[in-house]
């Protein structure tokens, strides 16, 4: 089966369904519970020896660290999210081994299901497989101790439950999440250019602006860059719709190249019109980004050795994030773009 959308796409899916905040709170509380459990073992059993104390202290620190990390700031990037899963799993297993009771160890192994569900929900298949390997290793480790204390029938039952909740159930979650997020991404993606479509661009822009207004410092600016082709109808009339589609695809690739270093999101709003949502520390950076797009378009060729058949007219609107309104930004950028089309191959910034 296809691995499905990447980590960021799945985080975007949760955000678009207004599930991300609750998801992050659940993960933070889970991490807090794991850290608190390790800390409680230190207090309840202080005579375990130096190595036991070190393991439990590390478990408490790991749990509390990830609680704070998930509860505050933006969602962790993929490397940090993978580190969360692996460090929590290892912490659960190691802390569980400091307990003499096999039942306690089994409960610790079952606790891995909490991070397993997270891994299955948003991480790539490689990270999920790494987690499953740790879970199975923990089960193999505790199986002989369970057999000694509980007998064959109880041990087989317990191991079966452990395998289901730590490996099988997360696998089902992974497949389901992959299918749902694939459908969501496909619904928000332009079939020709691979960018966001109108629906996806408006949805993502609204959620990103709202998030920044809650989290980012006051100096952050947000901008909308509207882009329209000059002479696109002539391309279709003279060279045919295949050439027109090729022009649109090339434009999408150029915009992606020009905005790669910025925090920017590209959408095709329909026809030959594109839009970019950009976040920068200063408003001038958004205007520079628009000029970079126009410059890349002017320097490109279709095919190699020939000048581009279309230039771009670009309208820009920007606002401090605290005062930003998506409908207003779109309206102003659209007005600026139509002023740019009066001359063509120009960047116009909206001025109230």
Protein backbone atom coordinates (compact mmCIF):
# COMPACT_ATOMS: atom_id res chain seq x y z
CA UNK A 1 0.00 0.00 0.00
CA UNK A 2 1.11 3.57 -0.64
CA UNK A 3 2.63 5.18 2.43
CA UNK A 4 0.20 8.07 2.21
CA UNK A 5 0.77 11.77 2.73
CA UNK A 6 3.86 12.90 4.59
CA UNK A 7 3.98 14.02 8.22
CA UNK A 8 3.29 17.68 7.48
CA UNK A 9 0.34 16.77 5.28
CA UNK A 10 -1.18 14.70 8.08
CA UNK A 11 -0.65 17.49 10.60
CA UNK A 12 -2.37 19.78 8.09
CA UNK A 13 -5.23 17.31 7.80
CA UNK A 14 -5.74 17.31 11.58
CA UNK A 15 -5.57 21.11 11.62
CA UNK A 16 -8.09 21.42 8.78
CA UNK A 17 -10.54 19.26 10.74
CA UNK A 18 -9.91 21.26 13.95
CA UNK A 19 -8.48 18.15 15.61
CA UNK A 20 -4.86 19.22 16.01
CA UNK A 21 -5.20 21.08 19.31
CA UNK A 22 -7.02 18.19 21.00
CA UNK A 23 -4.52 15.74 19.51
CA UNK A 24 -1.59 17.73 20.92
CA UNK A 25 -3.19 18.04 24.35
CA UNK A 26 -3.79 14.27 24.46
CA UNK A 27 -0.15 13.59 23.56
CA UNK A 28 1.07 16.13 26.14
CA UNK A 29 -1.06 14.59 28.91
CA UNK A 30 0.12 11.11 27.95
CA UNK A 31 3.74 12.24 28.18
CA UNK A 32 3.01 13.87 31.55
CA UNK A 33 1.50 10.63 32.85
CA UNK A 34 4.53 8.61 31.75
CA UNK A 35 6.93 11.07 33.36
CA UNK A 36 4.89 11.24 36.54
CA UNK A 37 4.77 7.44 36.78
CA UNK A 38 8.56 7.22 36.55
CA UNK A 39 8.92 9.96 39.17
CA UNK A 40 6.48 8.16 41.46
CA UNK A 41 8.59 5.01 41.28
CA UNK A 42 11.62 6.98 42.47
CA UNK A 43 9.68 8.19 45.51
CA UNK A 44 7.95 4.87 46.25
CA UNK A 45 11.07 2.69 45.88
CA UNK A 46 14.17 4.79 46.66
CA UNK A 47 16.32 1.74 47.48
CA UNK A 48 16.57 0.32 43.97
CA UNK A 49 20.19 1.30 43.46
CA UNK A 50 21.97 3.99 41.49
CA UNK A 51 21.37 2.49 38.04
CA UNK A 52 17.64 2.06 38.72
CA UNK A 53 17.37 5.65 39.95
CA UNK A 54 19.16 6.92 36.84
CA UNK A 55 16.78 5.01 34.53
CA UNK A 56 13.71 6.22 36.35
CA UNK A 57 14.99 9.80 36.51
CA UNK A 58 15.65 9.72 32.78
CA UNK A 59 12.14 8.39 32.20
CA UNK A 60 10.64 11.19 34.29
CA UNK A 61 12.71 13.83 32.48
CA UNK A 62 11.79 12.46 29.04
CA UNK A 63 8.08 12.39 29.84
CA UNK A 64 8.00 15.90 31.28
CA UNK A 65 10.12 17.29 28.44
CA UNK A 66 7.78 15.96 25.76
CA UNK A 67 4.75 17.15 27.72
CA UNK A 68 6.04 20.72 27.58
CA UNK A 69 7.16 20.37 23.95
CA UNK A 70 3.78 19.16 22.70
CA UNK A 71 1.77 21.58 24.81
CA UNK A 72 3.63 24.74 23.78
CA UNK A 73 4.86 26.18 20.48
CA UNK A 74 4.18 24.86 16.99
CA UNK A 75 3.87 21.11 16.35
CA UNK A 76 7.30 19.41 16.34
CA UNK A 77 8.88 18.78 12.95
CA UNK A 78 9.17 15.21 11.67
CA UNK A 79 12.62 14.42 13.22
CA UNK A 80 11.44 15.60 16.64
CA UNK A 81 8.15 13.68 16.33
CA UNK A 82 10.05 10.49 15.47
CA UNK A 83 12.41 11.11 18.40
CA UNK A 84 9.37 11.50 20.66
CA UNK A 85 8.02 8.09 19.72
CA UNK A 86 11.34 6.25 20.02
CA UNK A 87 12.51 7.90 23.26
CA UNK A 88 9.14 7.36 24.95
CA UNK A 89 9.02 3.71 23.90
CA UNK A 90 12.55 3.07 25.12
CA UNK A 91 11.82 4.93 28.35
CA UNK A 92 8.69 2.85 28.99
CA UNK A 93 10.56 -0.40 28.39
CA UNK A 94 13.62 0.52 30.49
CA UNK A 95 11.59 1.87 33.41
CA UNK A 96 9.42 -1.25 33.31
CA UNK A 97 12.51 -3.47 33.61
CA UNK A 98 13.34 -1.84 36.96
CA UNK A 99 10.19 -3.39 38.45
CA UNK A 100 10.29 -6.90 39.86
CA UNK A 101 6.67 -7.58 39.06
CA UNK A 102 6.08 -9.01 35.59
CA UNK A 103 2.58 -7.59 35.69
CA UNK A 104 3.97 -4.09 36.13
CA UNK A 105 6.32 -4.71 33.22
CA UNK A 106 3.42 -5.86 31.08
CA UNK A 107 1.44 -2.76 31.94
CA UNK A 108 4.49 -0.72 30.94
CA UNK A 109 4.63 -2.51 27.62
CA UNK A 110 0.93 -1.87 27.07
CA UNK A 111 1.54 1.83 27.71
CA UNK A 112 3.44 1.83 24.42
CA UNK A 113 0.05 1.73 22.70
CA UNK A 114 -0.33 5.43 23.49
CA UNK A 115 2.72 6.41 21.48
CA UNK A 116 1.95 3.63 18.99
CA UNK A 117 -1.33 5.28 18.08
CA UNK A 118 0.47 8.58 17.63
CA UNK A 119 3.10 6.97 15.41
CA UNK A 120 0.45 5.26 13.33
CA UNK A 121 -1.51 8.50 12.96
CA UNK A 122 1.13 10.82 11.58
CA UNK A 123 4.59 9.30 11.16
CA UNK A 124 6.05 7.66 8.03
CA UNK A 125 5.99 3.90 7.76
CA UNK A 126 9.72 3.59 8.69
CA UNK A 127 9.17 5.25 12.07
CA UNK A 128 6.06 3.15 12.71
CA UNK A 129 8.01 -0.03 11.92
CA UNK A 130 10.80 1.05 14.29
CA UNK A 131 8.22 1.53 17.00
CA UNK A 132 6.67 -1.88 16.31
CA UNK A 133 10.13 -3.47 16.59
CA UNK A 134 10.65 -1.93 20.03
CA UNK A 135 7.18 -3.04 21.14
CA UNK A 136 7.76 -6.63 20.02
CA UNK A 137 11.19 -6.68 21.69
CA UNK A 138 9.58 -5.56 24.95
CA UNK A 139 6.97 -8.30 24.69
CA UNK A 140 9.66 -10.93 24.07
CA UNK A 141 11.61 -9.64 27.08
CA UNK A 142 8.65 -9.85 29.49
CA UNK A 143 7.18 -13.11 28.18
CA UNK A 144 9.41 -15.48 30.24
CA UNK A 145 8.70 -13.51 33.42
CA UNK A 146 4.97 -13.63 32.76
CA UNK A 147 5.19 -17.37 32.12
CA UNK A 148 6.97 -17.95 35.44
CA UNK A 149 4.48 -15.93 37.46
CA UNK A 150 1.19 -16.57 35.68
CA UNK A 151 1.28 -19.85 33.79
CA UNK A 152 0.94 -20.72 30.11
CA UNK A 153 -2.72 -19.81 29.48
CA UNK A 154 -2.53 -16.39 31.17
CA UNK A 155 0.80 -15.62 29.50
CA UNK A 156 -0.52 -16.44 26.01
CA UNK A 157 -3.61 -14.33 26.66
CA UNK A 158 -1.58 -11.37 27.94
CA UNK A 159 0.89 -11.54 25.07
CA UNK A 160 -1.97 -11.71 22.59
CA UNK A 161 -3.49 -8.56 24.08
CA UNK A 162 -0.11 -6.83 24.02
CA UNK A 163 0.46 -7.68 20.35
CA UNK A 164 -3.00 -6.47 19.43
CA UNK A 165 -2.76 -3.11 21.23
CA UNK A 166 0.86 -2.32 20.39
CA UNK A 167 1.21 -3.67 16.85
CA UNK A 168 -2.09 -4.71 15.22
CA UNK A 169 -4.28 -1.81 16.40
CA UNK A 170 -1.73 0.88 15.46
CA UNK A 171 -1.35 -0.81 12.08
CA UNK A 172 -5.09 -0.48 11.50
CA UNK A 173 -4.94 3.15 12.61
CA UNK A 174 -2.07 3.76 10.19
CA UNK A 175 -3.98 2.35 7.24
CA UNK A 176 -7.14 4.27 8.14
CA UNK A 177 -5.29 7.53 8.67
CA UNK A 178 -3.42 7.08 5.39
CA UNK A 179 -6.69 6.60 3.50
CA UNK A 180 -8.43 9.55 5.17
CA UNK A 181 -5.55 11.96 4.76
CA UNK A 182 -4.98 10.84 1.17
CA UNK A 183 -8.61 11.63 0.40
CA UNK A 184 -8.33 15.00 2.15
CA UNK A 185 -5.12 15.92 0.34
CA UNK A 186 -6.56 14.84 -3.02
CA UNK A 187 -9.66 16.98 -2.43
CA UNK A 188 -7.48 20.03 -1.74
CA UNK A 189 -4.98 19.48 -4.58
CA UNK A 190 -5.11 20.84 -8.13
CA UNK A 191 -5.15 17.90 -10.51
CA UNK A 192 -2.97 19.56 -13.16
CA UNK A 193 -0.32 21.48 -11.24
CA UNK A 194 -0.10 19.56 -7.97
CA UNK A 195 -0.51 22.76 -5.94
CA UNK A 196 -3.38 23.49 -3.60
CA UNK A 197 -6.66 24.15 -5.39
CA UNK A 198 -8.96 27.06 -4.49
CA UNK A 199 -10.69 25.12 -1.72
CA UNK A 200 -7.43 23.85 -0.27
CA UNK A 201 -5.73 27.23 -0.47
CA UNK A 202 -8.55 29.03 1.33
CA UNK A 203 -8.78 26.30 3.97
CA UNK A 204 -5.05 26.19 4.66
CA UNK A 205 -4.66 30.00 4.57
CA UNK A 206 -7.42 30.44 7.13
CA UNK A 207 -5.98 27.82 9.51
CA UNK A 208 -2.38 29.08 9.18
CA UNK A 209 -3.30 32.72 9.79
CA UNK A 210 -5.37 31.74 12.84
CA UNK A 211 -2.48 29.67 14.21
CA UNK A 212 0.03 32.46 13.71
CA UNK A 213 -2.26 34.96 15.40
CA UNK A 214 -2.29 32.72 18.44
CA UNK A 215 1.39 31.78 18.53
CA UNK A 216 3.68 34.15 16.65
CA UNK A 217 5.28 37.44 17.83
CA UNK A 218 3.79 40.78 16.84
CA UNK A 219 6.48 41.56 14.25
CA UNK A 220 5.33 38.70 11.96
CA UNK A 221 3.69 39.78 8.69
CA UNK A 222 1.43 37.78 6.39
CA UNK A 223 0.95 38.45 2.72
CA UNK A 224 -1.06 37.25 -0.26
CA UNK A 225 0.57 37.29 -3.69
CA UNK A 226 -1.89 37.04 -6.61
CA UNK A 227 -0.43 35.93 -9.93
CA UNK A 228 -2.02 36.06 -13.37
CA UNK A 229 -0.56 35.34 -16.81
CA UNK A 230 -0.23 38.02 -19.49
CA UNK A 231 -1.40 36.72 -22.86
CA UNK A 232 -2.44 33.27 -21.68
CA UNK A 233 -5.46 33.23 -24.00
CA UNK A 234 -3.13 33.71 -26.96
CA UNK A 235 -1.11 30.67 -25.90
CA UNK A 236 -4.27 28.56 -25.90
CA UNK A 237 -5.56 30.01 -29.18
CA UNK A 238 -2.27 29.80 -31.10
CA UNK A 239 -0.54 26.79 -29.59
CA UNK A 240 -3.47 24.78 -28.24
CA UNK A 241 -4.64 23.74 -24.79
CA UNK A 242 -1.80 21.26 -24.37
CA UNK A 243 0.65 24.15 -24.56
CA UNK A 244 -1.57 26.10 -22.17
CA UNK A 245 -1.51 23.26 -19.65
CA UNK A 246 2.27 23.01 -20.01
CA UNK A 247 2.54 26.75 -19.30
CA UNK A 248 0.45 26.43 -16.15
CA UNK A 249 2.51 23.48 -14.95
CA UNK A 250 5.74 25.36 -15.61
CA UNK A 251 4.44 28.39 -13.73
CA UNK A 252 3.52 26.24 -10.72
CA UNK A 253 7.02 24.75 -10.70
CA UNK A 254 8.62 28.19 -10.99
CA UNK A 255 6.56 29.60 -8.13
CA UNK A 256 7.52 26.61 -6.02
CA UNK A 257 11.19 27.15 -6.85
CA UNK A 258 11.04 30.90 -6.14
CA UNK A 259 9.30 30.41 -2.78
CA UNK A 260 11.20 27.33 -1.60
CA UNK A 261 13.28 29.22 0.96
CA UNK A 262 10.28 31.04 2.45
CA UNK A 263 7.36 29.89 4.55
CA UNK A 264 4.95 30.02 1.66
CA UNK A 265 2.00 28.01 0.34
CA UNK A 266 1.02 27.95 -3.33
CA UNK A 267 -2.44 27.47 -4.79
CA UNK A 268 -4.05 27.57 -8.21
CA UNK A 269 -7.31 29.46 -7.80
CA UNK A 270 -8.66 28.57 -11.23
CA UNK A 271 -7.86 29.18 -14.89
CA UNK A 272 -4.41 30.77 -15.15
CA UNK A 273 -4.53 32.47 -11.75
CA UNK A 274 -2.28 31.44 -8.85
CA UNK A 275 -1.90 32.69 -5.29
CA UNK A 276 0.79 32.48 -2.64
CA UNK A 277 0.33 32.79 1.12
CA UNK A 278 3.58 33.91 2.75
CA UNK A 279 4.72 34.62 6.31
CA UNK A 280 7.74 36.87 6.92
CA UNK A 281 9.22 38.96 9.70
CA UNK A 282 9.02 42.13 7.61
CA UNK A 283 6.55 43.26 4.94
CA UNK A 284 9.37 44.03 2.52
CA UNK A 285 10.27 40.35 2.36
CA UNK A 286 6.84 39.58 0.91
CA UNK A 287 7.31 42.16 -1.84
CA UNK A 288 10.81 40.76 -2.51
CA UNK A 289 9.26 37.31 -2.82
CA UNK A 290 6.82 38.58 -5.45
CA UNK A 291 9.65 40.20 -7.41
CA UNK A 292 11.60 36.94 -7.23
CA UNK A 293 8.66 35.06 -8.76
CA UNK A 294 8.45 37.60 -11.61
CA UNK A 295 12.23 37.45 -12.14
CA UNK A 296 12.26 33.64 -12.31
CA UNK A 297 9.38 33.75 -14.82
CA UNK A 298 11.23 36.24 -17.01
CA UNK A 299 14.41 34.16 -16.96
CA UNK A 300 12.72 30.88 -17.80
CA UNK A 301 12.26 29.41 -21.26
CA UNK A 302 9.77 27.09 -22.93
CA UNK A 303 11.21 24.96 -24.47
CA UNK A 304 14.96 25.40 -23.79
CA UNK A 305 16.35 28.25 -25.86
CA UNK A 306 13.06 30.12 -26.37
CA UNK A 307 11.63 32.96 -24.30
CA UNK A 308 8.63 32.23 -22.15
CA UNK A 309 5.35 32.75 -23.94
CA UNK A 310 3.72 34.48 -20.95
CA UNK A 311 4.88 37.06 -18.45
CA UNK A 312 3.22 37.48 -15.06
CA UNK A 313 1.21 40.28 -13.51
CA UNK A 314 1.46 40.13 -9.73
CA UNK A 315 -0.53 41.86 -6.99
CA UNK A 316 0.60 41.95 -3.36
CA UNK A 317 -1.18 42.74 -0.12
CA UNK A 318 0.31 42.35 3.33
CA UNK A 319 -0.59 43.03 6.92
CA UNK A 320 0.78 42.56 10.41
CA UNK A 321 -0.39 39.14 11.58
CA UNK A 322 -2.29 40.60 14.53
CA UNK A 323 -4.52 42.63 12.20
CA UNK A 324 -4.71 40.19 9.29
CA UNK A 325 -8.00 39.20 7.68
CA UNK A 326 -7.86 36.61 4.89
CA UNK A 327 -10.85 37.98 2.89
CA UNK A 328 -9.36 41.48 3.05
CA UNK A 329 -5.90 40.28 2.01
CA UNK A 330 -7.36 38.39 -0.95
CA UNK A 331 -9.51 41.32 -2.06
CA UNK A 332 -6.60 43.77 -1.90
CA UNK A 333 -4.14 41.46 -3.64
CA UNK A 334 -6.68 40.87 -6.40
CA UNK A 335 -7.16 44.63 -6.87
CA UNK A 336 -3.38 45.13 -7.00
CA UNK A 337 -3.02 42.33 -9.55
CA UNK A 338 -5.52 43.97 -11.91
CA UNK A 339 -3.59 47.21 -11.65
CA UNK A 340 -0.43 45.27 -12.56
CA UNK A 341 -2.17 43.90 -15.65
CA UNK A 342 -2.59 47.43 -17.01
CA UNK A 343 1.11 47.33 -17.97
CA UNK A 344 1.83 43.61 -17.66
CA UNK A 345 4.97 41.93 -16.33
CA UNK A 346 4.76 44.00 -13.14
CA UNK A 347 4.45 43.75 -9.37
CA UNK A 348 1.98 46.13 -7.72
CA UNK A 349 1.61 46.43 -3.96
CA UNK A 350 -1.81 47.39 -2.64
CA UNK A 351 -1.87 50.84 -1.09
CA UNK A 352 -4.96 51.87 0.85
